[in-house]
Amino acid sequence: MSLASKITLATSCAISFSIIGYVHYKQIEDRAKLHEGVIRDIERQQRRKLENTYALQQQIDLTKKYKEEKERDKNG
């Protein structure tokens, strides 16, 4: 093989390996970003659930107070 063909082959292989390496790196990075998004969604759902539970408990407490006041007004 001539020197020019060896250089061309080596350059082609180097470029091919670089492209393949970049594609694999990009796939790993994209998967990590998707996974972070899923984790954020789960955290957001848990936070909303806690907020809803807190709001529900507040409503229950307010309802109890209202009923107690209503009974006092009725009896008093």
PDB file of N, CA and C in Angstrom:
ATOM      1  N   MET A   1       0.841  -1.159   0.000  1.00  0.00           N
ATOM      2  CA  MET A   1       0.000   0.000   0.000  1.00  0.00           C
ATOM      3  C   MET A   1       0.896   1.234   0.000  1.00  0.00           C
ATOM      4  N   SER A   2       0.457   2.214  -0.721  1.00  0.00           N
ATOM      5  CA  SER A   2       1.243   3.443  -0.789  1.00  0.00           C
ATOM      6  C   SER A   2       1.033   4.272   0.476  1.00  0.00           C
ATOM      7  N   LEU A   3       1.882   5.229   0.669  1.00  0.00           N
ATOM      8  CA  LEU A   3       1.822   6.091   1.841  1.00  0.00           C
ATOM      9  C   LEU A   3       0.529   6.902   1.853  1.00  0.00           C
ATOM     10  N   ALA A   4       0.125   7.394   0.688  1.00  0.00           N
ATOM     11  CA  ALA A   4      -1.101   8.197   0.605  1.00  0.00           C
ATOM     12  C   ALA A   4      -2.325   7.363   0.989  1.00  0.00           C
ATOM     13  N   SER A   5      -2.364   6.112   0.546  1.00  0.00           N
ATOM     14  CA  SER A   5      -3.513   5.267   0.882  1.00  0.00           C
ATOM     15  C   SER A   5      -3.516   4.912   2.370  1.00  0.00           C
ATOM     16  N   LYS A   6      -2.337   4.726   2.970  1.00  0.00           N
ATOM     17  CA  LYS A   6      -2.251   4.453   4.405  1.00  0.00           C
ATOM     18  C   LYS A   6      -2.743   5.661   5.212  1.00  0.00           C
ATOM     19  N   ILE A   7      -2.342   6.842   4.790  1.00  0.00           N
ATOM     20  CA  ILE A   7      -2.771   8.070   5.472  1.00  0.00           C
ATOM     21  C   ILE A   7      -4.281   8.242   5.338  1.00  0.00           C
ATOM     22  N   THR A   8      -4.803   7.986   4.145  1.00  0.00           N
ATOM     23  CA  THR A   8      -6.243   8.105   3.916  1.00  0.00           C
ATOM     24  C   THR A   8      -7.006   7.105   4.777  1.00  0.00           C
ATOM     25  N   LEU A   9      -6.531   5.871   4.828  1.00  0.00           N
ATOM     26  CA  LEU A   9      -7.174   4.845   5.642  1.00  0.00           C
ATOM     27  C   LEU A   9      -7.135   5.217   7.129  1.00  0.00           C
ATOM     28  N   ALA A  10      -5.985   5.660   7.597  1.00  0.00           N
ATOM     29  CA  ALA A  10      -5.844   6.038   9.005  1.00  0.00           C
ATOM     30  C   ALA A  10      -6.749   7.221   9.338  1.00  0.00           C
ATOM     31  N   THR A  11      -6.801   8.191   8.448  1.00  0.00           N
ATOM     32  CA  THR A  11      -7.656   9.358   8.668  1.00  0.00           C
ATOM     33  C   THR A  11      -9.122   8.951   8.683  1.00  0.00           C
ATOM     34  N   SER A  12      -9.509   8.102   7.749  1.00  0.00           N
ATOM     35  CA  SER A  12     -10.900   7.634   7.699  1.00  0.00           C
ATOM     36  C   SER A  12     -11.268   6.871   8.968  1.00  0.00           C
ATOM     37  N   CYS A  13     -10.375   6.016   9.424  1.00  0.00           N
ATOM     38  CA  CYS A  13     -10.631   5.262  10.661  1.00  0.00           C
ATOM     39  C   CYS A  13     -10.733   6.204  11.858  1.00  0.00           C
ATOM     40  N   ALA A  14      -9.838   7.174  11.932  1.00  0.00           N
ATOM     41  CA  ALA A  14      -9.860   8.121  13.050  1.00  0.00           C
ATOM     42  C   ALA A  14     -11.158   8.920  13.057  1.00  0.00           C
ATOM     43  N   ILE A  15     -11.578   9.381  11.895  1.00  0.00           N
ATOM     44  CA  ILE A  15     -12.826  10.144  11.804  1.00  0.00           C
ATOM     45  C   ILE A  15     -14.012   9.255  12.173  1.00  0.00           C
ATOM     46  N   SER A  16     -14.020   8.026  11.675  1.00  0.00           N
ATOM     47  CA  SER A  16     -15.117   7.099  11.989  1.00  0.00           C
ATOM     48  C   SER A  16     -15.190   6.819  13.484  1.00  0.00           C
ATOM     49  N   PHE A  17     -14.052   6.535  14.111  1.00  0.00           N
ATOM     50  CA  PHE A  17     -14.036   6.275  15.550  1.00  0.00           C
ATOM     51  C   PHE A  17     -14.470   7.508  16.344  1.00  0.00           C
ATOM     52  N   SER A  18     -14.068   8.669  15.875  1.00  0.00           N
ATOM     53  CA  SER A  18     -14.471   9.906  16.552  1.00  0.00           C
ATOM     54  C   SER A  18     -15.980  10.092  16.486  1.00  0.00           C
ATOM     55  N   ILE A  19     -16.560   9.862  15.317  1.00  0.00           N
ATOM     56  CA  ILE A  19     -18.007  10.007  15.152  1.00  0.00           C
ATOM     57  C   ILE A  19     -18.742   8.991  16.018  1.00  0.00           C
ATOM     58  N   ILE A  20     -18.295   7.747  16.000  1.00  0.00           N
ATOM     59  CA  ILE A  20     -18.931   6.702  16.801  1.00  0.00           C
ATOM     60  C   ILE A  20     -18.821   7.034  18.291  1.00  0.00           C
ATOM     61  N   GLY A  21     -17.657   7.485  18.719  1.00  0.00           N
ATOM     62  CA  GLY A  21     -17.470   7.871  20.118  1.00  0.00           C
ATOM     63  C   GLY A  21     -18.376   9.015  20.515  1.00  0.00           C
ATOM     64  N   TYR A  22     -18.502  10.010  19.649  1.00  0.00           N
ATOM     65  CA  TYR A  22     -19.371  11.152  19.939  1.00  0.00           C
ATOM     66  C   TYR A  22     -20.832  10.712  20.049  1.00  0.00           C
ATOM     67  N   VAL A  23     -21.262   9.851  19.138  1.00  0.00           N
ATOM     68  CA  VAL A  23     -22.650   9.380  19.164  1.00  0.00           C
ATOM     69  C   VAL A  23     -22.931   8.621  20.464  1.00  0.00           C
ATOM     70  N   HIS A  24     -22.021   7.758  20.889  1.00  0.00           N
ATOM     71  CA  HIS A  24     -22.213   7.022  22.141  1.00  0.00           C
ATOM     72  C   HIS A  24     -22.235   7.975  23.336  1.00  0.00           C
ATOM     73  N   TYR A  25     -21.321   8.936  23.343  1.00  0.00           N
ATOM     74  CA  TYR A  25     -21.292   9.927  24.421  1.00  0.00           C
ATOM     75  C   TYR A  25     -22.604  10.696  24.475  1.00  0.00           C
ATOM     76  N   LYS A  26     -23.090  11.115  23.316  1.00  0.00           N
ATOM     77  CA  LYS A  26     -24.332  11.889  23.243  1.00  0.00           C
ATOM     78  C   LYS A  26     -25.517  11.047  23.731  1.00  0.00           C
ATOM     79  N   GLN A  27     -25.567   9.766  23.379  1.00  0.00           N
ATOM     80  CA  GLN A  27     -26.646   8.891  23.840  1.00  0.00           C
ATOM     81  C   GLN A  27     -26.635   8.757  25.360  1.00  0.00           C
ATOM     82  N   ILE A  28     -25.463   8.586  25.925  1.00  0.00           N
ATOM     83  CA  ILE A  28     -25.349   8.463  27.381  1.00  0.00           C
ATOM     84  C   ILE A  28     -25.800   9.755  28.052  1.00  0.00           C
ATOM     85  N   GLU A  29     -25.383  10.880  27.491  1.00  0.00           N
ATOM     86  CA  GLU A  29     -25.777  12.186  28.039  1.00  0.00           C
ATOM     87  C   GLU A  29     -27.289  12.385  27.945  1.00  0.00           C
ATOM     88  N   ASP A  30     -27.879  12.022  26.814  1.00  0.00           N
ATOM     89  CA  ASP A  30     -29.328  12.166  26.639  1.00  0.00           C
ATOM     90  C   ASP A  30     -30.099  11.273  27.607  1.00  0.00           C
ATOM     91  N   ARG A  31     -29.632  10.048  27.805  1.00  0.00           N
ATOM     92  CA  ARG A  31     -30.284   9.147  28.760  1.00  0.00           C
ATOM     93  C   ARG A  31     -30.224   9.719  30.173  1.00  0.00           C
ATOM     94  N   ALA A  32     -29.076  10.289  30.521  1.00  0.00           N
ATOM     95  CA  ALA A  32     -28.933  10.879  31.856  1.00  0.00           C
ATOM     96  C   ALA A  32     -29.903  12.044  32.035  1.00  0.00           C
ATOM     97  N   LYS A  33     -30.047  12.873  31.009  1.00  0.00           N
ATOM     98  CA  LYS A  33     -30.982  14.002  31.088  1.00  0.00           C
ATOM     99  C   LYS A  33     -32.420  13.510  31.213  1.00  0.00           C
ATOM    100  N   LEU A  34     -32.776  12.480  30.468  1.00  0.00           N
ATOM    101  CA  LEU A  34     -34.122  11.917  30.571  1.00  0.00           C
ATOM    102  C   LEU A  34     -34.368  11.360  31.968  1.00  0.00           C
ATOM    103  N   HIS A  35     -33.366  10.685  32.508  1.00  0.00           N
ATOM    104  CA  HIS A  35     -33.497  10.111  33.846  1.00  0.00           C
ATOM    105  C   HIS A  35     -33.663  11.215  34.891  1.00  0.00           C
ATOM    106  N   GLU A  36     -32.916  12.311  34.746  1.00  0.00           N
ATOM    107  CA  GLU A  36     -33.060  13.446  35.664  1.00  0.00           C
ATOM    108  C   GLU A  36     -34.473  14.023  35.583  1.00  0.00           C
ATOM    109  N   GLY A  37     -35.022  14.066  34.378  1.00  0.00           N
ATOM    110  CA  GLY A  37     -36.388  14.563  34.209  1.00  0.00           C
ATOM    111  C   GLY A  37     -37.397  13.691  34.924  1.00  0.00           C
ATOM    112  N   VAL A  38     -37.212  12.393  34.853  1.00  0.00           N
ATOM    113  CA  VAL A  38     -38.114  11.458  35.535  1.00  0.00           C
ATOM    114  C   VAL A  38     -38.012  11.648  37.048  1.00  0.00           C
ATOM    115  N   ILE A  39     -36.800  11.791  37.538  1.00  0.00           N
ATOM    116  CA  ILE A  39     -36.606  11.988  38.977  1.00  0.00           C
ATOM    117  C   ILE A  39     -37.266  13.285  39.426  1.00  0.00           C
ATOM    118  N   ARG A  40     -37.097  14.363  38.632  1.00  0.00           N
ATOM    119  CA  ARG A  40     -37.737  15.638  38.971  1.00  0.00           C
ATOM    120  C   ARG A  40     -39.255  15.510  38.981  1.00  0.00           C
ATOM    121  N   ASP A  41     -39.801  14.764  38.021  1.00  0.00           N
ATOM    122  CA  ASP A  41     -41.255  14.562  37.978  1.00  0.00           C
ATOM    123  C   ASP A  41     -41.751  13.814  39.218  1.00  0.00           C
ATOM    124  N   ILE A  42     -41.023  12.791  39.624  1.00  0.00           N
ATOM    125  CA  ILE A  42     -41.407  12.031  40.814  1.00  0.00           C
ATOM    126  C   ILE A  42     -41.355  12.928  42.050  1.00  0.00           C
ATOM    127  N   GLU A  43     -40.291  13.734  42.166  1.00  0.00           N
ATOM    128  CA  GLU A  43     -40.188  14.650  43.303  1.00  0.00           C
ATOM    129  C   GLU A  43     -41.330  15.660  43.293  1.00  0.00           C
ATOM    130  N   ARG A  44     -41.672  16.163  42.120  1.00  0.00           N
ATOM    131  CA  ARG A  44     -42.758  17.131  41.999  1.00  0.00           C
ATOM    132  C   ARG A  44     -44.089  16.495  42.413  1.00  0.00           C
ATOM    133  N   GLN A  45     -44.316  15.256  41.986  1.00  0.00           N
ATOM    134  CA  GLN A  45     -45.547  14.553  42.362  1.00  0.00           C
ATOM    135  C   GLN A  45     -45.619  14.346  43.873  1.00  0.00           C
ATOM    136  N   GLN A  46     -44.500  13.965  44.479  1.00  0.00           N
ATOM    137  CA  GLN A  46     -44.487  13.758  45.928  1.00  0.00           C
ATOM    138  C   GLN A  46     -44.744  15.065  46.668  1.00  0.00           C
ATOM    139  N   ARG A  47     -44.138  16.151  46.172  1.00  0.00           N
ATOM    140  CA  ARG A  47     -44.341  17.457  46.799  1.00  0.00           C
ATOM    141  C   ARG A  47     -45.805  17.888  46.702  1.00  0.00           C
ATOM    142  N   ARG A  48     -46.408  17.685  45.528  1.00  0.00           N
ATOM    143  CA  ARG A  48     -47.820  18.023  45.353  1.00  0.00           C
ATOM    144  C   ARG A  48     -48.705  17.181  46.268  1.00  0.00           C
ATOM    145  N   LYS A  49     -48.361  15.907  46.402  1.00  0.00           N
ATOM    146  CA  LYS A  49     -49.143  15.026  47.265  1.00  0.00           C
ATOM    147  C   LYS A  49     -49.092  15.515  48.711  1.00  0.00           C
ATOM    148  N   LEU A  50     -47.897  15.915  49.171  1.00  0.00           N
ATOM    149  CA  LEU A  50     -47.770  16.438  50.526  1.00  0.00           C
ATOM    150  C   LEU A  50     -48.550  17.739  50.694  1.00  0.00           C
ATOM    151  N   GLU A  51     -48.468  18.609  49.688  1.00  0.00           N
ATOM    152  CA  GLU A  51     -49.208  19.871  49.750  1.00  0.00           C
ATOM    153  C   GLU A  51     -50.714  19.617  49.783  1.00  0.00           C
ATOM    154  N   ASN A  52     -51.166  18.678  48.975  1.00  0.00           N
ATOM    155  CA  ASN A  52     -52.596  18.345  48.958  1.00  0.00           C
ATOM    156  C   ASN A  52     -53.037  17.732  50.286  1.00  0.00           C
ATOM    157  N   THR A  53     -52.207  16.882  50.848  1.00  0.00           N
ATOM    158  CA  THR A  53     -52.523  16.281  52.139  1.00  0.00           C
ATOM    159  C   THR A  53     -52.606  17.361  53.216  1.00  0.00           C
ATOM    160  N   TYR A  54     -51.672  18.303  53.182  1.00  0.00           N
ATOM    161  CA  TYR A  54     -51.683  19.405  54.149  1.00  0.00           C
ATOM    162  C   TYR A  54     -52.943  20.254  53.982  1.00  0.00           C
ATOM    163  N   ALA A  55     -53.286  20.579  52.743  1.00  0.00           N
ATOM    164  CA  ALA A  55     -54.491  21.378  52.484  1.00  0.00           C
ATOM    165  C   ALA A  55     -55.744  20.628  52.937  1.00  0.00           C
ATOM    166  N   LEU A  56     -55.787  19.330  52.696  1.00  0.00           N
ATOM    167  CA  LEU A  56     -56.926  18.522  53.133  1.00  0.00           C
ATOM    168  C   LEU A  56     -57.046  18.519  54.653  1.00  0.00           C
ATOM    169  N   GLN A  57     -55.921  18.380  55.335  1.00  0.00           N
ATOM    170  CA  GLN A  57     -55.944  18.398  56.797  1.00  0.00           C
ATOM    171  C   GLN A  57     -56.417  19.755  57.313  1.00  0.00           C
ATOM    172  N   GLN A  58     -55.995  20.827  56.663  1.00  0.00           N
ATOM    173  CA  GLN A  58     -56.467  22.157  57.054  1.00  0.00           C
ATOM    174  C   GLN A  58     -57.975  22.272  56.870  1.00  0.00           C
ATOM    175  N   GLN A  59     -58.475  21.756  55.776  1.00  0.00           N
ATOM    176  CA  GLN A  59     -59.915  21.798  55.534  1.00  0.00           C
ATOM    177  C   GLN A  59     -60.678  20.985  56.582  1.00  0.00           C
ATOM    178  N   ILE A  60     -60.141  19.841  56.948  1.00  0.00           N
ATOM    179  CA  ILE A  60     -60.773  19.011  57.979  1.00  0.00           C
ATOM    180  C   ILE A  60     -60.810  19.771  59.303  1.00  0.00           C
ATOM    181  N   ASP A  61     -59.688  20.400  59.654  1.00  0.00           N
ATOM    182  CA  ASP A  61     -59.640  21.170  60.903  1.00  0.00           C
ATOM    183  C   ASP A  61     -60.631  22.330  60.877  1.00  0.00           C
ATOM    184  N   LEU A  62     -60.689  23.043  59.764  1.00  0.00           N
ATOM    185  CA  LEU A  62     -61.625  24.159  59.651  1.00  0.00           C
ATOM    186  C   LEU A  62     -63.076  23.683  59.736  1.00  0.00           C
ATOM    187  N   THR A  63     -63.359  22.542  59.135  1.00  0.00           N
ATOM    188  CA  THR A  63     -64.713  21.985  59.192  1.00  0.00           C
ATOM    189  C   THR A  63     -65.082  21.633  60.631  1.00  0.00           C
ATOM    190  N   LYS A  64     -64.137  21.036  61.372  1.00  0.00           N
ATOM    191  CA  LYS A  64     -64.394  20.705  62.777  1.00  0.00           C
ATOM    192  C   LYS A  64     -64.681  21.969  63.581  1.00  0.00           C
ATOM    193  N   LYS A  65     -63.860  23.003  63.370  1.00  0.00           N
ATOM    194  CA  LYS A  65     -64.072  24.262  64.091  1.00  0.00           C
ATOM    195  C   LYS A  65     -65.431  24.859  63.746  1.00  0.00           C
ATOM    196  N   TYR A  66     -65.776  24.816  62.481  1.00  0.00           N
ATOM    197  CA  TYR A  66     -67.065  25.364  62.044  1.00  0.00           C
ATOM    198  C   TYR A  66     -68.222  24.619  62.704  1.00  0.00           C
ATOM    199  N   LYS A  67     -68.134  23.286  62.726  1.00  0.00           N
ATOM    200  CA  LYS A  67     -69.198  22.485  63.344  1.00  0.00           C
ATOM    201  C   LYS A  67     -69.285  22.753  64.837  1.00  0.00           C
ATOM    202  N   GLU A  68     -68.131  22.904  65.504  1.00  0.00           N
ATOM    203  CA  GLU A  68     -68.129  23.205  66.936  1.00  0.00           C
ATOM    204  C   GLU A  68     -68.775  24.561  67.203  1.00  0.00           C
ATOM    205  N   GLU A  69     -68.430  25.560  66.399  1.00  0.00           N
ATOM    206  CA  GLU A  69     -69.025  26.888  66.560  1.00  0.00           C
ATOM    207  C   GLU A  69     -70.524  26.853  66.289  1.00  0.00           C
ATOM    208  N   LYS A  70     -70.899  26.080  65.301  1.00  0.00           N
ATOM    209  CA  LYS A  70     -72.315  25.953  64.963  1.00  0.00           C
ATOM    210  C   LYS A  70     -73.079  25.317  66.121  1.00  0.00           C
ATOM    211  N   GLU A  71     -72.498  24.289  66.741  1.00  0.00           N
ATOM    212  CA  GLU A  71     -73.123  23.628  67.888  1.00  0.00           C
ATOM    213  C   GLU A  71     -73.216  24.587  69.073  1.00  0.00           C
ATOM    214  N   ARG A  72     -72.155  25.376  69.299  1.00  0.00           N
ATOM    215  CA  ARG A  72     -72.172  26.345  70.397  1.00  0.00           C
ATOM    216  C   ARG A  72     -73.253  27.398  70.178  1.00  0.00           C
ATOM    217  N   ASP A  73     -73.356  27.875  68.928  1.00  0.00           N
ATOM    218  CA  ASP A  73     -74.375  28.872  68.611  1.00  0.00           C
ATOM    219  C   ASP A  73     -75.776  28.287  68.765  1.00  0.00           C
ATOM    220  N   LYS A  74     -75.910  27.043  68.416  1.00  0.00           N
ATOM    221  CA  LYS A  74     -77.202  26.361  68.501  1.00  0.00           C
ATOM    222  C   LYS A  74     -77.609  26.160  69.962  1.00  0.00           C
ATOM    223  N   ASN A  75     -76.625  25.760  70.773  1.00  0.00           N
ATOM    224  CA  ASN A  75     -76.885  25.492  72.182  1.00  0.00           C
ATOM    225  C   ASN A  75     -76.870  26.773  73.021  1.00  0.00           C
ATOM    226  N   GLY A  76     -76.156  27.762  72.569  1.00  0.00           N
ATOM    227  CA  GLY A  76     -75.974  28.953  73.386  1.00  0.00           C
ATOM    228  C   GLY A  76     -76.913  30.009  73.092  1.00  0.00           C
TER     229      GLY A  76
END
